[in-house]
Amino acid sequence: MKNFPFFKQHDEKDCGPTCLKIIAKHYKKVISQQQMREISGSQRSGSSLLGLSNAAETIGFNSLGVKVNIRKLKEAPLPCILHWNKTHFIVLFKIKSDIYFVSDPAHGLLKYTQEEFLQNWIGNNATIETEEGIALLLEPTSKFYDCEFENKEQNLGFIFLSTYILKYKSFIVQLILGLIAASLLQLIFPFLTQSIVDVGIKNQDIHFI
């Protein structure tokens, strides 16, 4: 369970793009949060299942939105994205002995009993036959593995650092020169002190020392 990816959503409307980012990471691809937002068309109201499906296709997944019962979900390829509590998206990545393992962008890596899972996925009165659970099934294609995704978050950090350095270039140069001078003085001072003591002793001049 601990080996499956998890990323924290930035806000409550960011769960959909974060789920796609989690699944991409599972398949060894790193995509920035900003890119996933742009690709999925995330708005202030959040992402729709259609928007997530289109985004998944854009980055190289075959996607299929379905409404199924829990029996059929057990036969589905994992990981997949689930519509959760009617307002949220999570990633289901494992089912074992009626225990459901999820990566929830809001709360982390969690596991649920079948009863708990049904209540959150479909509703309080759901049974194993209730075909109201919404899922987005995903399968990576060769396009997904061939694409190179630019990590904008890293690039933005580099751009910010470069801008900061250029803005304070003269101050940074002075600081570096000052540090070098201080280091040289620290290096020279013991030898200088020893030389003064040696000369004073040789000349027997206590005042010189």
N, C-alpha and C. Protein backbone atom coordinates (compact mmCIF):
# COMPACT_ATOMS: atom_id res chain seq x y z
N MET A 1 0.83 -1.21 0.00
CA MET A 1 0.00 0.00 0.00
C MET A 1 0.86 1.25 0.00
N LYS A 2 1.93 1.25 0.80
CA LYS A 2 2.78 2.43 0.91
C LYS A 2 3.53 2.73 -0.38
N ASN A 3 3.65 1.74 -1.25
CA ASN A 3 4.41 1.93 -2.49
C ASN A 3 3.60 2.61 -3.58
N PHE A 4 2.28 2.70 -3.40
CA PHE A 4 1.46 3.34 -4.42
C PHE A 4 1.55 4.85 -4.27
N PRO A 5 1.58 5.58 -5.39
CA PRO A 5 1.77 7.04 -5.32
C PRO A 5 0.62 7.77 -4.62
N PHE A 6 0.96 8.88 -4.02
CA PHE A 6 -0.02 9.81 -3.46
C PHE A 6 0.50 11.22 -3.62
N PHE A 7 -0.38 12.11 -4.07
CA PHE A 7 -0.09 13.55 -4.11
C PHE A 7 -1.25 14.27 -3.43
N LYS A 8 -0.92 15.31 -2.68
CA LYS A 8 -1.94 16.10 -1.99
C LYS A 8 -2.52 17.13 -2.95
N GLN A 9 -3.86 17.20 -3.02
CA GLN A 9 -4.49 18.21 -3.86
C GLN A 9 -4.26 19.59 -3.27
N HIS A 10 -4.17 20.61 -4.15
CA HIS A 10 -3.90 21.97 -3.69
C HIS A 10 -5.12 22.61 -3.03
N ASP A 11 -6.30 22.27 -3.52
CA ASP A 11 -7.54 22.76 -2.92
C ASP A 11 -8.64 21.74 -3.21
N GLU A 12 -9.84 22.01 -2.70
CA GLU A 12 -10.92 21.01 -2.79
C GLU A 12 -11.40 20.77 -4.22
N LYS A 13 -11.10 21.67 -5.15
CA LYS A 13 -11.52 21.51 -6.53
C LYS A 13 -10.43 20.90 -7.40
N ASP A 14 -9.34 20.49 -6.77
CA ASP A 14 -8.17 20.04 -7.52
C ASP A 14 -8.01 18.51 -7.50
N CYS A 15 -9.05 17.81 -7.03
CA CYS A 15 -8.90 16.36 -6.83
C CYS A 15 -8.80 15.60 -8.15
N GLY A 16 -9.55 16.03 -9.18
CA GLY A 16 -9.53 15.32 -10.46
C GLY A 16 -8.16 15.30 -11.12
N PRO A 17 -7.56 16.48 -11.38
CA PRO A 17 -6.21 16.51 -11.95
C PRO A 17 -5.19 15.78 -11.09
N THR A 18 -5.36 15.85 -9.77
CA THR A 18 -4.41 15.16 -8.87
C THR A 18 -4.52 13.65 -9.02
N CYS A 19 -5.74 13.14 -9.22
CA CYS A 19 -5.92 11.71 -9.46
C CYS A 19 -5.19 11.27 -10.73
N LEU A 20 -5.29 12.05 -11.79
CA LEU A 20 -4.58 11.73 -13.03
C LEU A 20 -3.07 11.76 -12.81
N LYS A 21 -2.62 12.73 -12.04
CA LYS A 21 -1.19 12.82 -11.72
C LYS A 21 -0.72 11.58 -10.95
N ILE A 22 -1.55 11.11 -10.03
CA ILE A 22 -1.23 9.91 -9.25
C ILE A 22 -1.11 8.69 -10.15
N ILE A 23 -2.07 8.53 -11.07
CA ILE A 23 -2.04 7.36 -11.95
C ILE A 23 -0.88 7.44 -12.93
N ALA A 24 -0.59 8.64 -13.44
CA ALA A 24 0.57 8.81 -14.33
C ALA A 24 1.86 8.42 -13.60
N LYS A 25 1.97 8.82 -12.33
CA LYS A 25 3.14 8.47 -11.53
C LYS A 25 3.25 6.96 -11.33
N HIS A 26 2.10 6.30 -11.16
CA HIS A 26 2.08 4.84 -11.03
C HIS A 26 2.70 4.17 -12.25
N TYR A 27 2.49 4.79 -13.41
CA TYR A 27 3.06 4.27 -14.65
C TYR A 27 4.39 4.94 -15.00
N LYS A 28 5.05 5.52 -13.99
CA LYS A 28 6.42 6.05 -14.10
C LYS A 28 6.54 7.34 -14.91
N LYS A 29 5.47 8.14 -14.95
CA LYS A 29 5.53 9.43 -15.62
C LYS A 29 5.23 10.54 -14.61
N VAL A 30 6.03 11.60 -14.63
CA VAL A 30 5.83 12.73 -13.73
C VAL A 30 5.25 13.90 -14.53
N ILE A 31 4.08 14.33 -14.13
CA ILE A 31 3.41 15.46 -14.78
C ILE A 31 3.09 16.49 -13.71
N SER A 32 3.39 17.75 -13.97
CA SER A 32 3.17 18.78 -12.96
C SER A 32 1.68 19.02 -12.72
N GLN A 33 1.38 19.50 -11.53
CA GLN A 33 -0.01 19.80 -11.17
C GLN A 33 -0.60 20.84 -12.10
N GLN A 34 0.19 21.85 -12.46
CA GLN A 34 -0.29 22.90 -13.33
C GLN A 34 -0.65 22.35 -14.71
N GLN A 35 0.19 21.47 -15.24
CA GLN A 35 -0.12 20.86 -16.53
C GLN A 35 -1.41 20.05 -16.47
N MET A 36 -1.58 19.28 -15.42
CA MET A 36 -2.78 18.46 -15.30
C MET A 36 -4.02 19.33 -15.21
N ARG A 37 -3.92 20.47 -14.51
CA ARG A 37 -5.05 21.39 -14.43
C ARG A 37 -5.42 21.92 -15.81
N GLU A 38 -4.39 22.34 -16.55
CA GLU A 38 -4.62 22.90 -17.88
C GLU A 38 -5.21 21.87 -18.83
N ILE A 39 -4.66 20.66 -18.80
CA ILE A 39 -5.11 19.61 -19.71
C ILE A 39 -6.55 19.18 -19.40
N SER A 40 -6.88 19.09 -18.10
CA SER A 40 -8.21 18.61 -17.71
C SER A 40 -9.26 19.70 -17.72
N GLY A 41 -8.84 20.96 -17.96
CA GLY A 41 -9.79 22.06 -18.00
C GLY A 41 -10.42 22.32 -16.65
N SER A 42 -9.64 22.16 -15.60
CA SER A 42 -10.14 22.36 -14.23
C SER A 42 -10.55 23.82 -14.03
N GLN A 43 -11.76 24.03 -13.54
CA GLN A 43 -12.28 25.37 -13.31
C GLN A 43 -12.51 25.57 -11.81
N ARG A 44 -13.06 26.72 -11.47
CA ARG A 44 -13.34 27.00 -10.05
C ARG A 44 -14.32 25.98 -9.47
N SER A 45 -15.21 25.46 -10.33
CA SER A 45 -16.19 24.49 -9.86
C SER A 45 -15.63 23.08 -9.81
N GLY A 46 -14.37 22.90 -10.22
CA GLY A 46 -13.76 21.58 -10.21
C GLY A 46 -13.75 20.95 -11.59
N SER A 47 -13.39 19.68 -11.64
CA SER A 47 -13.30 18.95 -12.91
C SER A 47 -14.51 18.05 -13.08
N SER A 48 -14.91 17.85 -14.32
CA SER A 48 -15.98 16.90 -14.63
C SER A 48 -15.36 15.58 -15.06
N LEU A 49 -16.16 14.51 -15.04
CA LEU A 49 -15.66 13.21 -15.48
C LEU A 49 -15.28 13.27 -16.96
N LEU A 50 -16.06 14.02 -17.75
CA LEU A 50 -15.74 14.18 -19.17
C LEU A 50 -14.41 14.90 -19.34
N GLY A 51 -14.18 15.94 -18.55
CA GLY A 51 -12.91 16.66 -18.62
C GLY A 51 -11.73 15.78 -18.27
N LEU A 52 -11.91 14.93 -17.25
CA LEU A 52 -10.84 14.00 -16.87
C LEU A 52 -10.60 12.95 -17.94
N SER A 53 -11.69 12.48 -18.55
CA SER A 53 -11.56 11.49 -19.63
C SER A 53 -10.80 12.08 -20.81
N ASN A 54 -11.16 13.31 -21.19
CA ASN A 54 -10.46 13.97 -22.31
C ASN A 54 -9.00 14.22 -21.97
N ALA A 55 -8.73 14.60 -20.73
CA ALA A 55 -7.35 14.84 -20.30
C ALA A 55 -6.54 13.54 -20.34
N ALA A 56 -7.17 12.45 -19.90
CA ALA A 56 -6.50 11.15 -19.93
C ALA A 56 -6.16 10.74 -21.36
N GLU A 57 -7.08 10.98 -22.27
CA GLU A 57 -6.83 10.67 -23.69
C GLU A 57 -5.69 11.54 -24.23
N THR A 58 -5.65 12.79 -23.80
CA THR A 58 -4.62 13.71 -24.28
C THR A 58 -3.22 13.25 -23.89
N ILE A 59 -3.08 12.71 -22.69
CA ILE A 59 -1.74 12.29 -22.25
C ILE A 59 -1.43 10.84 -22.61
N GLY A 60 -2.36 10.18 -23.32
CA GLY A 60 -2.03 8.87 -23.86
C GLY A 60 -2.70 7.67 -23.22
N PHE A 61 -3.81 7.87 -22.54
CA PHE A 61 -4.58 6.75 -21.99
C PHE A 61 -5.79 6.45 -22.87
N ASN A 62 -6.18 5.20 -22.95
CA ASN A 62 -7.53 4.86 -23.37
C ASN A 62 -8.40 5.01 -22.14
N SER A 63 -9.52 5.69 -22.27
CA SER A 63 -10.37 5.92 -21.10
C SER A 63 -11.81 5.53 -21.40
N LEU A 64 -12.50 5.09 -20.37
CA LEU A 64 -13.90 4.69 -20.51
C LEU A 64 -14.63 5.02 -19.22
N GLY A 65 -15.62 5.91 -19.32
CA GLY A 65 -16.46 6.23 -18.17
C GLY A 65 -17.60 5.24 -18.08
N VAL A 66 -17.80 4.66 -16.90
CA VAL A 66 -18.83 3.63 -16.75
C VAL A 66 -19.62 3.86 -15.46
N LYS A 67 -20.83 3.28 -15.45
CA LYS A 67 -21.65 3.23 -14.24
C LYS A 67 -21.90 1.76 -13.95
N VAL A 68 -21.34 1.25 -12.88
CA VAL A 68 -21.34 -0.20 -12.63
C VAL A 68 -21.65 -0.51 -11.16
N ASN A 69 -21.90 -1.81 -10.92
CA ASN A 69 -22.01 -2.26 -9.53
C ASN A 69 -20.65 -2.74 -9.05
N ILE A 70 -20.58 -3.10 -7.79
CA ILE A 70 -19.29 -3.43 -7.21
C ILE A 70 -18.74 -4.76 -7.74
N ARG A 71 -19.63 -5.65 -8.18
CA ARG A 71 -19.17 -6.92 -8.76
C ARG A 71 -18.37 -6.65 -10.03
N LYS A 72 -18.90 -5.78 -10.88
CA LYS A 72 -18.22 -5.47 -12.14
C LYS A 72 -16.95 -4.66 -11.88
N LEU A 73 -16.98 -3.83 -10.85
CA LEU A 73 -15.79 -3.05 -10.52
C LEU A 73 -14.62 -3.97 -10.17
N LYS A 74 -14.92 -5.08 -9.52
CA LYS A 74 -13.86 -6.03 -9.15
C LYS A 74 -13.17 -6.65 -10.37
N GLU A 75 -13.85 -6.62 -11.52
CA GLU A 75 -13.28 -7.17 -12.75
C GLU A 75 -12.57 -6.11 -13.58
N ALA A 76 -12.68 -4.85 -13.17
CA ALA A 76 -12.13 -3.74 -13.95
C ALA A 76 -10.62 -3.64 -13.76
N PRO A 77 -9.93 -3.11 -14.78
CA PRO A 77 -8.48 -2.88 -14.63
C PRO A 77 -8.21 -1.76 -13.63
N LEU A 78 -7.24 -1.97 -12.79
CA LEU A 78 -6.86 -0.96 -11.79
C LEU A 78 -5.43 -0.49 -12.04
N PRO A 79 -5.11 0.76 -11.67
CA PRO A 79 -5.95 1.72 -10.95
C PRO A 79 -6.97 2.40 -11.86
N CYS A 80 -8.03 2.87 -11.23
CA CYS A 80 -9.04 3.65 -11.95
C CYS A 80 -9.47 4.81 -11.05
N ILE A 81 -10.18 5.75 -11.64
CA ILE A 81 -10.67 6.92 -10.89
C ILE A 81 -12.14 6.71 -10.56
N LEU A 82 -12.52 6.98 -9.32
CA LEU A 82 -13.91 6.85 -8.89
C LEU A 82 -14.48 8.20 -8.48
N HIS A 83 -15.78 8.38 -8.80
CA HIS A 83 -16.51 9.54 -8.30
C HIS A 83 -16.94 9.20 -6.88
N TRP A 84 -16.54 10.02 -5.91
CA TRP A 84 -16.58 9.65 -4.49
C TRP A 84 -17.43 10.65 -3.71
N ASN A 85 -18.41 10.17 -2.99
CA ASN A 85 -19.28 11.04 -2.18
C ASN A 85 -19.93 12.15 -3.00
N LYS A 86 -20.11 11.88 -4.28
CA LYS A 86 -20.82 12.78 -5.21
C LYS A 86 -20.11 14.10 -5.51
N THR A 87 -19.01 14.41 -4.80
CA THR A 87 -18.34 15.70 -5.01
C THR A 87 -16.83 15.58 -5.14
N HIS A 88 -16.32 14.37 -5.16
CA HIS A 88 -14.87 14.18 -5.03
C HIS A 88 -14.41 13.08 -5.99
N PHE A 89 -13.11 13.05 -6.28
CA PHE A 89 -12.52 11.96 -7.07
C PHE A 89 -11.38 11.33 -6.28
N ILE A 90 -11.30 9.99 -6.36
CA ILE A 90 -10.20 9.26 -5.74
C ILE A 90 -9.68 8.21 -6.72
N VAL A 91 -8.55 7.59 -6.38
CA VAL A 91 -7.99 6.51 -7.19
C VAL A 91 -8.13 5.20 -6.42
N LEU A 92 -8.80 4.23 -7.04
CA LEU A 92 -8.86 2.87 -6.49
C LEU A 92 -7.73 2.08 -7.13
N PHE A 93 -6.83 1.51 -6.32
CA PHE A 93 -5.69 0.81 -6.91
C PHE A 93 -5.57 -0.66 -6.54
N LYS A 94 -6.40 -1.12 -5.57
CA LYS A 94 -6.27 -2.53 -5.18
C LYS A 94 -7.53 -2.99 -4.46
N ILE A 95 -7.94 -4.24 -4.74
CA ILE A 95 -9.03 -4.87 -4.01
C ILE A 95 -8.53 -6.23 -3.55
N LYS A 96 -8.61 -6.48 -2.24
CA LYS A 96 -8.13 -7.75 -1.71
C LYS A 96 -9.03 -8.20 -0.56
N SER A 97 -9.68 -9.34 -0.77
CA SER A 97 -10.55 -9.92 0.27
C SER A 97 -11.59 -8.91 0.75
N ASP A 98 -12.25 -8.25 -0.19
CA ASP A 98 -13.27 -7.26 0.10
C ASP A 98 -12.76 -6.06 0.90
N ILE A 99 -11.47 -5.82 0.82
CA ILE A 99 -10.88 -4.58 1.34
C ILE A 99 -10.44 -3.75 0.14
N TYR A 100 -10.81 -2.47 0.14
CA TYR A 100 -10.59 -1.59 -1.01
C TYR A 100 -9.52 -0.55 -0.64
N PHE A 101 -8.49 -0.51 -1.43
CA PHE A 101 -7.35 0.38 -1.17
C PHE A 101 -7.41 1.56 -2.13
N VAL A 102 -7.34 2.77 -1.58
CA VAL A 102 -7.48 3.97 -2.41
C VAL A 102 -6.37 4.97 -2.12
N SER A 103 -6.09 5.79 -3.12
CA SER A 103 -5.23 6.96 -2.94
C SER A 103 -6.13 8.18 -3.07
N ASP A 104 -6.39 8.81 -1.96
CA ASP A 104 -7.33 9.93 -1.88
C ASP A 104 -6.54 11.24 -1.83
N PRO A 105 -6.65 12.10 -2.85
CA PRO A 105 -5.87 13.35 -2.89
C PRO A 105 -6.10 14.26 -1.68
N ALA A 106 -7.23 14.06 -1.00
CA ALA A 106 -7.53 14.91 0.16
C ALA A 106 -7.03 14.32 1.47
N HIS A 107 -6.91 12.98 1.53
CA HIS A 107 -6.65 12.35 2.83
C HIS A 107 -5.50 11.34 2.85
N GLY A 108 -4.97 10.97 1.70
CA GLY A 108 -3.84 10.04 1.69
C GLY A 108 -4.21 8.64 1.25
N LEU A 109 -3.36 7.67 1.59
CA LEU A 109 -3.58 6.27 1.25
C LEU A 109 -4.46 5.64 2.33
N LEU A 110 -5.62 5.11 1.90
CA LEU A 110 -6.61 4.59 2.84
C LEU A 110 -7.12 3.23 2.40
N LYS A 111 -7.77 2.53 3.32
CA LYS A 111 -8.44 1.28 2.96
C LYS A 111 -9.82 1.25 3.61
N TYR A 112 -10.78 0.60 2.91
CA TYR A 112 -12.16 0.55 3.36
C TYR A 112 -12.67 -0.88 3.31
N THR A 113 -13.58 -1.19 4.23
CA THR A 113 -14.33 -2.44 4.10
C THR A 113 -15.31 -2.27 2.94
N GLN A 114 -15.89 -3.36 2.49
CA GLN A 114 -16.82 -3.26 1.37
C GLN A 114 -18.02 -2.39 1.71
N GLU A 115 -18.53 -2.50 2.92
CA GLU A 115 -19.67 -1.69 3.34
C GLU A 115 -19.32 -0.21 3.34
N GLU A 116 -18.19 0.14 3.91
CA GLU A 116 -17.74 1.54 3.93
C GLU A 116 -17.53 2.05 2.52
N PHE A 117 -16.94 1.21 1.69
CA PHE A 117 -16.66 1.60 0.31
C PHE A 117 -17.94 1.90 -0.45
N LEU A 118 -18.94 1.01 -0.32
CA LEU A 118 -20.22 1.21 -1.01
C LEU A 118 -20.90 2.50 -0.57
N GLN A 119 -20.86 2.79 0.73
CA GLN A 119 -21.50 4.00 1.24
C GLN A 119 -20.89 5.26 0.65
N ASN A 120 -19.57 5.27 0.53
CA ASN A 120 -18.89 6.45 -0.01
C ASN A 120 -18.97 6.54 -1.53
N TRP A 121 -18.94 5.40 -2.18
CA TRP A 121 -18.92 5.39 -3.65
C TRP A 121 -20.30 5.61 -4.25
N ILE A 122 -21.33 4.93 -3.67
CA ILE A 122 -22.68 5.01 -4.25
C ILE A 122 -23.65 5.71 -3.31
N GLY A 123 -23.70 5.29 -2.06
CA GLY A 123 -24.63 5.89 -1.11
C GLY A 123 -24.98 4.94 0.02
N ASN A 124 -25.70 5.44 1.02
CA ASN A 124 -25.98 4.66 2.23
C ASN A 124 -26.79 3.40 1.97
N ASN A 125 -27.67 3.42 0.98
CA ASN A 125 -28.54 2.27 0.74
C ASN A 125 -28.02 1.34 -0.34
N ALA A 126 -26.78 1.52 -0.76
CA ALA A 126 -26.23 0.73 -1.87
C ALA A 126 -25.98 -0.71 -1.44
N THR A 127 -26.17 -1.62 -2.40
CA THR A 127 -25.84 -3.03 -2.21
C THR A 127 -24.84 -3.43 -3.29
N ILE A 128 -24.41 -4.69 -3.25
CA ILE A 128 -23.44 -5.15 -4.26
C ILE A 128 -24.05 -5.19 -5.65
N GLU A 129 -25.39 -5.09 -5.75
CA GLU A 129 -26.05 -5.12 -7.05
C GLU A 129 -26.39 -3.73 -7.57
N THR A 130 -26.21 -2.70 -6.77
CA THR A 130 -26.58 -1.34 -7.19
C THR A 130 -25.63 -0.85 -8.27
N GLU A 131 -26.19 -0.60 -9.45
CA GLU A 131 -25.36 -0.18 -10.59
C GLU A 131 -25.36 1.34 -10.73
N GLU A 132 -24.90 2.00 -9.72
CA GLU A 132 -24.89 3.46 -9.72
C GLU A 132 -23.49 4.03 -9.49
N GLY A 133 -22.50 3.16 -9.32
CA GLY A 133 -21.15 3.64 -9.05
C GLY A 133 -20.46 4.13 -10.31
N ILE A 134 -19.92 5.34 -10.26
CA ILE A 134 -19.27 5.95 -11.44
C ILE A 134 -17.77 5.75 -11.35
N ALA A 135 -17.20 5.27 -12.46
CA ALA A 135 -15.75 5.02 -12.51
C ALA A 135 -15.21 5.44 -13.87
N LEU A 136 -13.95 5.86 -13.88
CA LEU A 136 -13.24 6.16 -15.13
C LEU A 136 -12.12 5.14 -15.24
N LEU A 137 -12.27 4.21 -16.20
CA LEU A 137 -11.28 3.16 -16.41
C LEU A 137 -10.20 3.67 -17.35
N LEU A 138 -8.96 3.36 -17.03
CA LEU A 138 -7.82 3.91 -17.78
C LEU A 138 -6.84 2.81 -18.15
N GLU A 139 -6.31 2.92 -19.37
CA GLU A 139 -5.29 1.98 -19.84
C GLU A 139 -4.23 2.76 -20.62
N PRO A 140 -2.97 2.71 -20.20
CA PRO A 140 -1.93 3.46 -20.92
C PRO A 140 -1.65 2.86 -22.29
N THR A 141 -1.38 3.72 -23.25
CA THR A 141 -1.03 3.29 -24.60
C THR A 141 0.43 3.63 -24.88
N SER A 142 0.90 3.27 -26.06
CA SER A 142 2.28 3.60 -26.44
C SER A 142 2.50 5.11 -26.48
N LYS A 143 1.44 5.86 -26.80
CA LYS A 143 1.54 7.32 -26.83
C LYS A 143 1.92 7.86 -25.45
N PHE A 144 1.33 7.28 -24.41
CA PHE A 144 1.64 7.71 -23.04
C PHE A 144 3.11 7.50 -22.73
N TYR A 145 3.63 6.33 -23.09
CA TYR A 145 5.03 6.03 -22.77
C TYR A 145 6.01 6.81 -23.65
N ASP A 146 5.56 7.19 -24.86
CA ASP A 146 6.44 7.92 -25.78
C ASP A 146 6.51 9.41 -25.48
N CYS A 147 5.47 9.94 -24.83
CA CYS A 147 5.41 11.39 -24.57
C CYS A 147 6.41 11.79 -23.49
N GLU A 148 7.01 12.96 -23.69
CA GLU A 148 7.86 13.56 -22.67
C GLU A 148 7.11 14.74 -22.08
N PHE A 149 6.82 14.66 -20.81
CA PHE A 149 6.06 15.72 -20.15
C PHE A 149 7.00 16.67 -19.44
N GLU A 150 6.92 17.93 -19.79
CA GLU A 150 7.77 18.95 -19.17
C GLU A 150 7.29 19.19 -17.74
N ASN A 151 8.21 19.14 -16.80
CA ASN A 151 7.86 19.39 -15.41
C ASN A 151 7.90 20.89 -15.14
N LYS A 152 6.76 21.54 -15.31
CA LYS A 152 6.70 22.99 -15.19
C LYS A 152 7.00 23.48 -13.78
N GLU A 153 6.67 22.66 -12.78
CA GLU A 153 6.92 23.09 -11.40
C GLU A 153 8.40 23.27 -11.15
N GLN A 154 9.21 22.34 -11.69
CA GLN A 154 10.65 22.47 -11.54
C GLN A 154 11.16 23.67 -12.33
N ASN A 155 10.61 23.84 -13.56
CA ASN A 155 11.05 24.96 -14.40
C ASN A 155 10.71 26.31 -13.77
N LEU A 156 9.52 26.39 -13.16
CA LEU A 156 9.13 27.64 -12.52
C LEU A 156 10.06 27.97 -11.36
N GLY A 157 10.46 26.94 -10.63
CA GLY A 157 11.40 27.14 -9.53
C GLY A 157 12.73 27.65 -10.03
N PHE A 158 13.20 27.09 -11.14
CA PHE A 158 14.48 27.51 -11.72
C PHE A 158 14.39 28.95 -12.23
N ILE A 159 13.26 29.27 -12.89
CA ILE A 159 13.07 30.63 -13.41
C ILE A 159 13.05 31.64 -12.27
N PHE A 160 12.34 31.31 -11.18
CA PHE A 160 12.29 32.21 -10.02
C PHE A 160 13.67 32.43 -9.44
N LEU A 161 14.43 31.35 -9.30
CA LEU A 161 15.77 31.45 -8.73
C LEU A 161 16.68 32.29 -9.63
N SER A 162 16.58 32.07 -10.95
CA SER A 162 17.41 32.82 -11.90
C SER A 162 17.08 34.31 -11.84
N THR A 163 15.77 34.62 -11.78
CA THR A 163 15.34 36.02 -11.70
C THR A 163 15.85 36.68 -10.43
N TYR A 164 15.78 35.96 -9.33
CA TYR A 164 16.24 36.48 -8.03
C TYR A 164 17.74 36.76 -8.07
N ILE A 165 18.50 35.83 -8.64
CA ILE A 165 19.96 36.00 -8.72
C ILE A 165 20.32 37.20 -9.58
N LEU A 166 19.65 37.35 -10.73
CA LEU A 166 19.95 38.48 -11.62
C LEU A 166 19.59 39.81 -10.96
N LYS A 167 18.48 39.82 -10.20
CA LYS A 167 18.02 41.06 -9.57
C LYS A 167 19.04 41.56 -8.54
N TYR A 168 19.64 40.63 -7.81
CA TYR A 168 20.58 40.99 -6.74
C TYR A 168 22.01 40.57 -7.08
N LYS A 169 22.32 40.61 -8.37
CA LYS A 169 23.61 40.12 -8.85
C LYS A 169 24.78 40.83 -8.16
N SER A 170 24.76 42.18 -8.14
CA SER A 170 25.89 42.94 -7.58
C SER A 170 26.05 42.66 -6.08
N PHE A 171 24.93 42.57 -5.38
CA PHE A 171 24.99 42.28 -3.94
C PHE A 171 25.56 40.89 -3.69
N ILE A 172 25.12 39.91 -4.50
CA ILE A 172 25.59 38.53 -4.34
C ILE A 172 27.09 38.44 -4.62
N VAL A 173 27.56 39.18 -5.67
CA VAL A 173 28.99 39.19 -6.00
C VAL A 173 29.79 39.75 -4.83
N GLN A 174 29.31 40.89 -4.26
CA GLN A 174 29.99 41.49 -3.10
C GLN A 174 30.01 40.53 -1.91
N LEU A 175 28.90 39.84 -1.71
CA LEU A 175 28.82 38.89 -0.60
C LEU A 175 29.82 37.75 -0.78
N ILE A 176 29.91 37.24 -2.01
CA ILE A 176 30.86 36.15 -2.30
C ILE A 176 32.29 36.61 -2.10
N LEU A 177 32.61 37.83 -2.61
CA LEU A 177 33.96 38.37 -2.44
C LEU A 177 34.29 38.58 -0.96
N GLY A 178 33.30 39.06 -0.20
CA GLY A 178 33.51 39.25 1.24
C GLY A 178 33.77 37.94 1.95
N LEU A 179 33.03 36.90 1.57
CA LEU A 179 33.23 35.58 2.18
C LEU A 179 34.60 35.02 1.84
N ILE A 180 35.03 35.23 0.58
CA ILE A 180 36.37 34.77 0.17
C ILE A 180 37.45 35.49 0.97
N ALA A 181 37.30 36.84 1.10
CA ALA A 181 38.29 37.64 1.85
C ALA A 181 38.34 37.20 3.31
N ALA A 182 37.17 36.97 3.90
CA ALA A 182 37.12 36.53 5.30
C ALA A 182 37.77 35.16 5.47
N SER A 183 37.54 34.28 4.50
CA SER A 183 38.15 32.94 4.55
C SER A 183 39.66 33.03 4.44
N LEU A 184 40.15 33.92 3.56
CA LEU A 184 41.60 34.10 3.40
C LEU A 184 42.23 34.65 4.68
N LEU A 185 41.54 35.62 5.31
CA LEU A 185 42.06 36.19 6.56
C LEU A 185 42.12 35.13 7.66
N GLN A 186 41.08 34.28 7.71
CA GLN A 186 41.08 33.20 8.70
C GLN A 186 42.23 32.24 8.46
N LEU A 187 42.52 32.03 7.18
CA LEU A 187 43.60 31.10 6.82
C LEU A 187 44.97 31.70 7.14
N ILE A 188 45.13 33.00 6.87
CA ILE A 188 46.43 33.67 7.04
C ILE A 188 46.71 34.04 8.49
N PHE A 189 45.67 34.37 9.26
CA PHE A 189 45.86 34.92 10.61
C PHE A 189 46.71 34.04 11.53
N PRO A 190 46.52 32.72 11.58
CA PRO A 190 47.38 31.90 12.47
C PRO A 190 48.86 31.98 12.10
N PHE A 191 49.16 31.98 10.78
CA PHE A 191 50.56 32.08 10.35
C PHE A 191 51.15 33.46 10.70
N LEU A 192 50.35 34.51 10.52
CA LEU A 192 50.79 35.87 10.83
C LEU A 192 51.07 36.01 12.33
N THR A 193 50.17 35.47 13.15
CA THR A 193 50.36 35.52 14.60
C THR A 193 51.62 34.79 15.03
N GLN A 194 51.83 33.61 14.46
CA GLN A 194 53.02 32.83 14.80
C GLN A 194 54.30 33.55 14.41
N SER A 195 54.25 34.22 13.22
CA SER A 195 55.43 34.97 12.76
C SER A 195 55.76 36.12 13.69
N ILE A 196 54.74 36.84 14.17
CA ILE A 196 54.95 37.97 15.09
C ILE A 196 55.56 37.48 16.40
N VAL A 197 55.02 36.37 16.91
CA VAL A 197 55.55 35.81 18.16
C VAL A 197 57.00 35.38 17.99
N ASP A 198 57.29 34.72 16.86
CA ASP A 198 58.66 34.25 16.61
C ASP A 198 59.65 35.42 16.55
N VAL A 199 59.26 36.51 15.86
CA VAL A 199 60.14 37.68 15.73
C VAL A 199 60.36 38.33 17.08
N GLY A 200 59.28 38.46 17.88
CA GLY A 200 59.39 39.07 19.20
C GLY A 200 60.32 38.29 20.12
N ILE A 201 60.18 36.96 20.10
CA ILE A 201 61.04 36.11 20.94
C ILE A 201 62.49 36.20 20.48
N LYS A 202 62.70 36.19 19.17
CA LYS A 202 64.07 36.25 18.63
C LYS A 202 64.75 37.55 19.05
N ASN A 203 64.00 38.66 19.02
CA ASN A 203 64.58 39.96 19.36
C ASN A 203 64.46 40.28 20.86
N GLN A 204 63.82 39.35 21.59
CA GLN A 204 63.59 39.53 23.02
C GLN A 204 62.90 40.87 23.32
N ASP A 205 61.87 41.12 22.47
CA ASP A 205 61.11 42.38 22.60
C ASP A 205 59.68 42.02 22.99
N ILE A 206 59.39 42.06 24.29
CA ILE A 206 58.07 41.69 24.79
C ILE A 206 56.98 42.63 24.28
N HIS A 207 57.36 43.91 24.08
CA HIS A 207 56.38 44.89 23.58
C HIS A 207 56.00 44.60 22.13
N PHE A 208 56.92 44.06 21.38
CA PHE A 208 56.62 43.72 19.98
C PHE A 208 55.59 42.60 19.93
N ILE A 209 55.75 41.65 20.88
CA ILE A 209 54.80 40.54 20.92
C ILE A 209 53.43 41.03 21.36
